[in-house]
Protein backbone atom coordinates (compact mmCIF):
# COMPACT_ATOMS: atom_id res chain seq x y z
CA MET A 1 11.71 6.28 5.60
CA ASN A 2 13.02 5.19 2.21
CA PRO A 3 15.16 2.07 2.77
CA SER A 4 18.00 3.35 0.56
CA PRO A 5 20.21 5.95 2.32
CA SER A 6 21.49 7.07 -1.15
CA PRO A 7 18.46 7.07 -3.45
CA ASN A 8 18.58 8.00 -7.07
CA PHE A 9 17.26 11.46 -7.88
CA ALA A 10 15.82 13.36 -10.87
CA LEU A 11 15.43 16.84 -12.25
CA LEU A 12 12.30 17.64 -14.24
CA THR A 13 11.68 20.97 -15.83
CA SER A 14 8.24 22.67 -16.44
CA THR A 15 6.96 22.71 -19.92
CA ASP A 16 4.75 24.79 -22.16
CA PHE A 17 2.63 23.07 -24.81
CA SER A 18 0.19 25.93 -25.44
CA ASN A 19 1.40 26.60 -28.94
CA VAL A 20 1.42 23.08 -30.26
CA ALA A 21 -1.32 21.43 -32.37
CA ALA A 22 -4.42 20.29 -30.41
CA ARG A 23 -4.20 16.90 -32.05
CA VAL A 24 -1.25 15.04 -30.55
CA GLY A 25 -2.01 11.70 -32.16
CA SER A 26 -4.80 9.13 -32.83
CA ARG A 27 -6.32 5.88 -31.68
CA GLY A 28 -7.03 4.26 -35.03
CA ALA A 29 -8.90 6.81 -37.05
CA THR A 30 -10.03 8.73 -33.86
CA PRO A 31 -8.03 11.99 -33.15
CA VAL A 32 -6.70 12.50 -29.68
CA THR A 33 -6.93 16.22 -28.92
CA SER A 34 -7.01 18.64 -26.01
CA THR A 35 -6.28 22.31 -25.21
CA TRP A 36 -2.69 21.97 -23.88
CA SER A 37 -1.44 24.21 -21.05
CA SER A 38 1.27 26.76 -20.92
CA ASP A 39 2.30 25.84 -17.52
CA TYR A 40 2.72 22.08 -16.65
CA GLU A 41 4.75 21.79 -13.43
CA ASP A 42 6.75 18.95 -15.17
CA VAL A 43 6.05 16.28 -17.64
CA ILE A 44 4.40 13.98 -15.04
CA SER A 45 1.69 16.60 -14.72
CA PHE A 46 1.24 16.64 -18.45
CA LEU A 47 1.17 12.94 -18.95
CA ASN A 48 -1.12 11.80 -16.02
CA GLY A 49 -1.97 14.72 -13.85
CA ARG A 50 -0.34 12.91 -10.90
CA GLY A 51 -3.33 10.52 -10.70
CA MET A 52 -5.07 7.58 -12.37
CA GLY A 53 -8.12 7.68 -14.65
CA THR A 54 -11.62 7.12 -13.45
CA ASN A 55 -11.97 3.84 -11.57
CA LEU A 56 -8.31 2.92 -12.06
CA ASP A 57 -6.81 3.99 -8.75
CA LEU A 58 -5.83 1.24 -6.46
CA SER A 59 -8.67 1.74 -3.94
CA THR A 60 -11.35 1.54 -6.61
CA LEU A 61 -9.66 -1.44 -8.32
CA LEU A 62 -9.42 -3.29 -5.05
CA THR A 63 -13.09 -2.59 -4.25
CA THR A 64 -14.23 -3.88 -7.62
CA SER A 65 -11.92 -6.97 -7.43
CA SER A 66 -13.16 -8.01 -4.00
CA ASN A 67 -15.77 -10.81 -3.46
CA PHE A 68 -16.35 -9.71 0.16
CA GLY A 69 -16.75 -6.26 1.83
CA THR A 70 -18.10 -3.29 -0.04
CA THR A 71 -15.38 -0.69 0.41
CA TRP A 72 -11.56 -0.87 0.32
CA LYS A 73 -8.93 1.88 0.77
CA VAL A 74 -5.26 1.86 -0.11
CA ALA A 75 -3.21 4.90 0.85
CA ILE A 76 -0.08 6.02 2.88
CA ASP A 77 -0.25 6.12 6.74
CA ALA A 78 1.36 8.75 9.07
CA ASN A 79 4.43 6.39 9.40
CA ASP A 80 4.99 6.27 5.59
CA LYS A 81 3.85 2.69 5.25
CA VAL A 82 1.12 1.46 2.85
CA GLU A 83 -2.19 1.13 4.89
CA ILE A 84 -4.97 -1.10 3.47
CA SER A 85 -8.37 -0.95 5.02
CA ALA A 86 -11.88 -2.34 4.48
CA ASP A 87 -15.36 -2.53 6.02
CA VAL A 88 -14.71 -6.16 6.93
CA ALA A 89 -11.79 -7.99 8.70
CA PHE A 90 -9.28 -9.45 6.29
CA LYS A 91 -5.82 -10.77 5.94
CA ILE A 92 -3.28 -10.37 3.00
CA GLN A 93 -0.06 -11.79 1.58
CA TYR A 94 2.08 -11.05 -1.34
CA ASN A 95 1.52 -13.40 -4.27
CA SER A 96 4.96 -13.98 -5.67
CA SER A 97 3.93 -16.86 -7.97
CA SER A 98 1.37 -14.87 -9.85
CA GLY A 99 2.95 -15.38 -13.22
CA LEU A 100 2.79 -11.72 -14.10
CA THR A 101 5.64 -10.09 -15.77
CA GLY A 102 7.51 -7.61 -13.53
CA VAL A 103 5.39 -8.42 -10.32
CA ALA A 104 6.84 -7.00 -7.18
CA ASP A 105 5.81 -6.59 -3.54
CA VAL A 106 5.25 -2.92 -4.05
CA PHE A 107 3.13 -2.55 -0.85
CA GLY A 108 5.76 -4.14 1.40
CA ILE A 109 3.50 -6.90 2.72
CA GLY A 110 5.72 -10.02 2.54
CA THR A 111 4.88 -13.59 1.60
CA SER A 112 3.23 -14.43 5.03
CA PHE A 113 -0.29 -13.42 5.85
CA ILE A 114 -0.80 -10.35 8.04
CA THR A 115 -4.25 -9.62 9.62
CA SER A 116 -6.21 -6.42 9.91
CA GLY A 117 -7.00 -4.78 13.20
CA GLY A 118 -8.42 -1.37 14.12
CA ALA A 119 -8.14 1.60 11.85
CA SER A 120 -5.33 4.27 12.33
CA GLY A 121 -7.99 6.84 12.84
CA ILE A 122 -6.58 9.02 9.98
CA SER A 123 -8.80 9.58 6.95
CA PRO A 124 -9.54 7.87 4.58
CA PHE A 125 -8.92 4.57 6.44
CA LEU A 126 -11.79 2.27 7.30
CA ALA A 127 -12.71 0.27 10.43
CA ASN A 128 -10.55 -2.77 9.52
CA SER A 129 -7.00 -1.76 8.78
CA LEU A 130 -3.39 -2.89 8.54
CA SER A 131 -0.03 -1.19 7.78
CA ALA A 132 2.51 -3.05 5.70
CA PRO A 133 5.48 -4.17 7.81
CA SER A 134 8.09 -3.11 5.18
CA ASP A 135 8.73 -0.03 3.08
CA TRP A 136 6.89 0.35 -0.16
CA ILE A 137 8.92 0.23 -3.41
CA ARG A 138 9.73 3.53 -4.94
CA GLY A 139 9.47 3.93 -8.70
CA GLU A 140 7.56 2.66 -11.64
CA ILE A 141 4.94 -0.01 -10.99
CA VAL A 142 4.88 -2.78 -13.64
CA ALA A 143 2.53 -5.29 -11.75
CA LEU A 144 1.53 -6.30 -8.32
CA SER A 145 -0.42 -9.31 -6.99
CA TYR A 146 -1.89 -10.08 -3.48
CA THR A 147 -4.03 -12.78 -2.04
CA ILE A 148 -6.67 -11.47 0.36
CA ARG A 149 -8.86 -13.65 2.62
CA GLU A 150 -11.89 -12.87 4.77
CA VAL A 151 -11.33 -13.31 8.58
CA GLY A 152 -14.25 -15.27 10.05
CA GLY A 153 -15.34 -16.36 6.56
CA ALA A 154 -14.55 -18.52 3.57
CA SER A 155 -14.15 -15.77 0.91
CA GLU A 156 -10.89 -15.18 -0.84
CA PHE A 157 -9.71 -13.27 -3.96
CA THR A 158 -6.56 -12.33 -5.76
CA PHE A 159 -5.92 -8.60 -6.36
CA ASN A 160 -3.81 -8.02 -9.54
CA PHE A 161 -2.78 -4.64 -10.75
CA THR A 162 -1.28 -4.50 -14.22
CA GLY A 163 -0.75 -1.96 -16.95
CA GLY A 164 1.83 0.05 -15.13
CA ALA A 165 1.76 3.35 -13.24
CA GLN A 166 4.15 6.20 -12.50
CA ASP A 167 4.66 5.13 -8.90
CA LEU A 168 2.64 3.99 -5.88
CA ILE A 169 1.63 7.53 -4.94
CA VAL A 170 0.09 8.21 -8.36
CA ALA A 171 -1.46 4.72 -8.44
CA CYS A 172 -3.30 5.60 -5.12
CA ARG A 173 -4.64 8.90 -6.47
CA SER A 174 -7.70 9.42 -8.68
CA ARG A 175 -7.29 12.15 -11.20
CA GLY A 176 -9.85 14.91 -10.65
CA ASN A 177 -9.87 14.79 -6.77
CA GLY A 178 -9.10 18.53 -6.65
CA ASP A 179 -6.19 18.56 -4.26
CA ILE A 180 -3.19 20.85 -4.71
CA ASP A 181 -1.30 18.44 -6.90
CA ASP A 182 -4.19 17.27 -9.05
CA LEU A 183 -4.47 18.12 -12.73
CA ASN A 184 -7.62 17.05 -14.42
CA THR A 185 -7.50 18.89 -17.66
CA GLY A 186 -5.04 19.01 -20.54
CA THR A 187 -3.35 15.66 -19.67
CA LEU A 188 -2.25 13.23 -22.35
CA GLU A 189 -3.62 10.29 -20.54
CA GLY A 190 -6.93 11.98 -19.99
CA ALA A 191 -7.25 12.96 -23.67
CA ASP A 192 -6.22 9.51 -24.81
CA LYS A 193 -8.61 7.82 -22.46
CA ALA A 194 -11.49 9.83 -23.67
CA VAL A 195 -11.28 8.04 -27.01
CA THR A 196 -10.09 4.62 -25.73
CA SER A 197 -12.58 1.92 -25.04
CA THR A 198 -11.05 0.54 -21.90
CA ASP A 199 -7.74 1.69 -20.36
CA THR A 200 -4.63 3.63 -21.29
CA ARG A 201 -1.64 4.93 -19.10
CA TRP A 202 1.13 7.48 -19.73
CA PHE A 203 4.02 7.80 -17.42
CA VAL A 204 7.76 8.26 -17.11
CA ASN A 205 9.72 5.05 -16.26
CA ASN A 206 12.57 4.58 -13.85
CA ASP A 207 15.10 5.44 -16.54
CA GLY A 208 13.38 8.79 -17.61
CA HIS A 209 11.68 7.34 -20.75
CA VAL A 210 7.92 7.91 -21.45
CA VAL A 211 5.79 4.82 -21.60
CA ASN A 212 2.33 4.27 -22.98
CA SER A 213 0.57 1.18 -21.79
CA ALA A 214 -2.94 0.49 -23.08
CA ILE A 215 -5.76 -2.00 -23.61
CA ALA A 216 -7.42 -0.48 -26.59
CA THR A 217 -9.19 -1.47 -29.79
CA ALA A 218 -6.90 0.63 -31.99
CA ALA A 219 -3.16 1.30 -32.32
CA TRP A 220 -1.64 4.61 -31.32
CA SER A 221 -0.17 6.87 -34.06
CA TRP A 222 1.39 10.29 -33.78
CA ASN A 223 0.34 13.49 -35.52
CA SER A 224 2.75 13.68 -38.48
CA SER A 225 2.11 17.40 -39.19
CA ASP A 226 3.12 18.59 -35.73
CA THR A 227 5.53 16.32 -33.94
CA SER A 228 6.39 18.81 -31.15
CA ILE A 229 4.95 16.70 -28.25
CA ARG A 230 6.17 13.39 -29.81
CA ASP A 231 9.64 14.70 -30.15
CA TYR A 232 9.66 16.28 -26.65
CA LEU A 233 8.50 12.97 -25.03
CA GLY A 234 11.46 11.14 -26.75
CA PHE A 235 9.53 9.04 -29.34
CA THR A 236 10.78 8.66 -32.88
CA GLY A 237 7.69 7.27 -34.37
CA ASN A 238 9.41 3.94 -35.14
CA GLU A 239 8.92 2.29 -31.65
CA ALA A 240 7.63 -1.27 -31.80
CA VAL A 241 4.75 -2.43 -29.60
CA THR A 242 5.42 -5.00 -27.00
CA LEU A 243 2.87 -7.02 -25.03
CA VAL A 244 3.20 -6.78 -21.15
CA ASN A 245 0.52 -8.56 -19.07
CA GLY A 246 -2.04 -8.01 -21.74
CA TYR A 247 -1.24 -4.32 -22.42
CA THR A 248 0.30 -3.03 -25.56
CA THR A 249 3.28 -1.02 -24.58
CA LEU A 250 5.20 1.77 -26.32
CA THR A 251 8.39 2.97 -24.76
CA ALA A 252 10.12 6.03 -26.10
CA THR A 253 13.56 5.44 -27.66
CA HIS A 254 15.09 8.52 -26.14
CA PRO A 255 14.90 10.10 -22.60
CA CYS A 256 12.22 12.65 -22.34
CA SER A 257 13.24 16.24 -22.91
CA GLY A 258 13.30 18.22 -19.58
CA VAL A 259 13.88 15.01 -17.72
CA LEU A 260 17.28 14.11 -16.15
CA VAL A 261 17.70 10.82 -14.36
CA PRO A 262 21.36 10.09 -13.65
CA SER A 263 22.35 6.59 -12.97
CA ARG A 264 23.96 7.47 -9.51
CA PRO A 265 22.81 9.33 -6.43
CA TYR A 266 23.93 12.91 -6.01
CA GLN A 267 27.21 13.80 -4.37
CA GLN A 268 26.02 16.69 -2.27
CA ASN A 269 22.75 18.43 -1.42
CA HIS A 270 22.77 21.25 1.14
CA VAL A 271 20.62 24.27 1.68
CA ASN A 272 21.86 27.83 1.39
CA VAL A 273 19.83 30.45 3.22
CA GLU A 274 19.73 34.14 2.36
CA ASN A 275 17.94 36.50 4.76
CA VAL A 276 17.07 39.72 3.02
CA GLY A 277 16.15 43.04 4.67
CA GLN A 278 16.95 46.71 4.69
CA SER A 279 18.44 48.40 7.80
CA ARG A 280 19.27 51.99 8.84
CA ARG A 281 21.34 53.24 11.72
CA ARG A 282 19.48 55.45 14.13
CA ILE A 283 20.88 58.90 15.22
CA GLY A 284 20.59 57.80 18.97
CA GLY A 285 22.22 54.47 18.35
CA GLY A 286 21.05 51.02 17.34
CA TYR A 287 19.31 50.07 14.02
CA THR A 288 15.96 49.84 12.49
CA SER A 289 15.18 47.19 9.87
CA ASN A 290 12.59 46.11 7.28
CA TYR A 291 12.36 42.31 6.72
CA ILE A 292 11.91 41.40 3.09
CA GLY A 293 12.16 37.66 3.02
CA THR A 294 14.12 34.48 3.54
CA TYR A 295 15.23 32.59 0.50
CA ARG A 296 16.34 28.94 0.50
CA THR A 297 18.50 27.42 -2.19
CA SER A 298 19.44 23.82 -2.71
CA VAL A 299 23.02 23.51 -3.86
CA LEU A 300 23.11 20.25 -5.69
CA GLY A 301 26.19 18.39 -6.96
CA PHE A 302 26.20 15.24 -9.00
CA ASP A 303 27.91 13.32 -11.67
CA LEU A 304 26.47 13.50 -15.22
CA ASP A 305 26.81 10.17 -17.03
CA ALA A 306 28.76 10.34 -20.31
CA ARG A 307 29.67 8.04 -23.08
CA LEU A 308 31.82 5.52 -21.20
CA ASP A 309 29.54 5.35 -18.18
CA LEU A 310 26.44 3.11 -17.53
CA ILE A 311 24.38 5.36 -19.76
CA ASP A 312 25.17 8.42 -21.82
CA LEU A 313 23.26 11.65 -20.83
CA TYR A 314 26.05 14.19 -21.81
CA GLN A 315 24.33 15.39 -25.02
CA HIS A 316 20.88 14.83 -23.65
CA PHE A 317 21.78 17.24 -20.88
CA ILE A 318 23.11 19.91 -23.27
CA HIS A 319 20.48 19.63 -26.05
CA LYS A 320 17.35 18.28 -24.31
CA TRP A 321 17.49 19.39 -20.70
CA VAL A 322 19.31 22.76 -20.39
CA PRO A 323 17.29 24.56 -23.06
CA HIS A 324 14.22 23.98 -20.85
CA ALA A 325 16.01 25.07 -17.69
CA SER A 326 17.22 28.66 -18.38
CA GLU A 327 17.67 30.90 -15.46
CA GLY A 328 14.43 31.52 -13.55
CA GLU A 329 12.56 28.61 -15.07
CA ARG A 330 10.76 26.02 -12.93
CA VAL A 331 12.45 22.77 -12.08
CA ASN A 332 11.32 20.04 -9.74
CA PHE A 333 14.03 18.30 -7.80
CA TYR A 334 12.95 14.74 -6.95
CA GLN A 335 15.27 13.99 -4.03
CA VAL A 336 14.05 10.31 -4.29
CA TRP A 337 13.11 9.42 -7.90
CA GLY A 338 9.98 7.25 -7.69
CA ASP A 339 8.37 9.17 -4.89
CA SER A 340 6.38 12.01 -6.41
CA ARG A 341 5.21 13.68 -3.17
CA ARG A 342 6.24 17.17 -2.08
CA SER A 343 8.96 17.59 0.54
CA LEU A 344 7.84 18.57 4.11
CA ILE A 345 9.91 19.39 7.09
CA THR A 346 9.03 17.73 10.43
CA GLY A 347 8.45 21.17 11.97
CA ASP A 348 5.41 21.54 9.76
CA VAL A 349 3.77 18.29 10.84
CA THR A 350 0.48 19.04 12.69
CA SER A 351 -2.79 17.33 13.63
CA SER A 352 -4.18 18.39 10.27
CA GLN A 353 -1.06 17.57 8.22
CA PRO A 354 0.42 14.19 9.03
CA ALA A 355 4.09 13.41 8.57
CA HIS A 356 3.27 11.42 5.43
CA ASP A 357 0.30 11.22 3.10
CA LEU A 358 -0.35 11.14 -0.68
CA ILE A 359 0.85 14.78 -1.13
CA PHE A 360 3.67 15.33 1.41
CA THR A 361 6.55 13.36 3.02
CA SER A 362 8.70 14.40 5.78
CA SER A 363 11.23 11.60 5.52
CA ARG A 364 14.75 12.68 6.59
CA ASN A 365 13.29 16.06 7.74
CA GLY A 366 12.72 17.45 4.25
CA PHE A 367 15.61 15.66 2.38
CA GLU A 368 13.26 13.39 0.67
CA GLY A 369 10.20 14.22 -1.60
CA ARG A 370 9.85 16.75 -4.38
CA ILE A 371 11.32 20.21 -4.06
CA ARG A 372 9.53 22.78 -6.18
CA ALA A 373 12.20 25.32 -7.31
CA SER A 374 13.40 27.79 -9.81
CA ILE A 375 16.84 27.24 -11.30
CA ILE A 376 19.29 30.12 -10.73
CA SER A 377 22.33 28.53 -12.42
CA ASN A 378 22.95 29.79 -15.94
CA GLN A 379 26.25 28.20 -16.97
CA PHE A 380 27.60 24.62 -16.82
CA ASP A 381 31.15 23.82 -17.61
CA LEU A 382 31.01 20.22 -18.68
CA MET A 383 34.68 19.37 -18.56
CA PHE A 384 35.81 15.90 -17.93
CA PRO A 385 37.96 15.50 -14.84
CA ASN A 386 40.44 13.39 -16.85
CA ASN A 387 40.89 12.09 -20.42
CA MET A 388 38.31 9.41 -20.01
CA ARG A 389 34.89 10.49 -21.06
CA ARG A 390 33.08 8.67 -18.38
CA ARG A 391 31.33 11.23 -16.28
CA VAL A 392 31.30 14.99 -15.58
CA PRO A 393 30.78 16.79 -12.17
CA VAL A 394 27.85 19.27 -12.30
CA THR A 395 26.83 21.79 -9.75
CA MET A 396 23.61 23.75 -9.85
CA ARG A 397 21.49 25.95 -7.53
CA LEU A 398 17.75 25.63 -7.15
CA GLU A 399 15.75 28.32 -5.28
CA HIS A 400 12.87 26.81 -3.45
CA LEU A 401 9.38 28.04 -4.07
CA ASN A 402 7.51 28.99 -0.93
CA GLU A 403 4.01 28.36 -2.05
C-alpha cells in the first residue's frame, strides 16, 4: 500500500494529434516524424507509450550492468513491493553516496544489505529473489543507485539508473511488449529515439510539466511551421537546456495541456452507482424486468490552486484543461499521481491476476491506481469561497469505463 494516506492525484485527458504535422521537431538537421494517433489515452501514452525504449527498461539495464549472473529482473510482486531476482544468489543495498543528482531509494531497499532467497513463484521472477522491505517511491525517477554483491563469490557492481523516467512502473516496462497498456507506435519518445544515436526520454514530471532528457549528438528544435504539439506540451521554444547526470534536459515552461496536478490531495472521492433496467408489472402480480447495465461514477471534489496558493492553476484549468474535457470525453483519474497502473478491486484478484503487478494495483480495494473514465460534468463554477483568490472548490463526475 502507498505509504501516504492522502496522496496527490492527477487528471489527464485523452488527446488527438491526428491532424497535426508529421514532423514535430528535429535532432539537429534530422526531422523527427511519425503518424500521430487520433486516440491517445492521455499524454503519457503519447510521450512514452507507458514503457521504456529498447534495452532501457530496468531489467535489461541491470542485466547489462552486472558482472555476475546472466539474467536479472525488476518488477512488482503480489504484495506491491519491488522484487529483484537473478539466476545467481546476491545481496543489495541503496547507495546514498553515489554523487548523482536527485538520487533516491526508489526501490525501498534501505542502506543495509539484504540477501536474496527463493523466488516468489510468480512470473517473471527468477530462482534467486528478494522483495524490498519498504514501499517503492511514487512519482518521477531522477536517478537511483544500488550496490550489488555476489553471495558466495567476490564479484560486486554498482547499478546506476539516470536520465529520468515517468515512474517506477514505466521504468520496469519495455515498450512493445504487447500488453493492454502498451503503445509502441506513434509515441514522441519512439520517434525521437529512432533518430537519436543513444538515448532519449519524454515524460511528465511530478508537477505536470513535460520533460525531455537525452544523450544525443544533436540538440532538439521544434517544428516552427506547426507548433501544435509543442504548445500542447507546454513548451514555449525558449527553454534553456540543463545538464542532469550527463543528460541534456529540457523542461516545459508551462504545465501540459490536458494535465491537471493540484498541489493538494482531493477532499472527497466516492462512487455513485446507477443500476439501469426496464420493468413491467404483470397482470397476475409481480414484475418482469430487463437488466441494461450498472454504471459507476466517481464523484471527485478537490481544491483548485489559484494565484495566492502554492501554484496557480486557475487559468490553466479554464484554458488548457477544460477544453480537452468536454462532456463525454476520456479522462484518466490517477488516484495516486506517480503510480500509472490501472485500479483493481480485491474481488477481482485471482490466481491469474495477482493483487499487484505492472498493469494493476488493488491497494485500498480500488481507491488507488488509474481509473479510466469519461467526464460527465459540463459546467464548473469557479467562485472563490472568500475575497482571497487562493483556491477554489471543484466537483466533477467521472463515469468509469468497464473495459
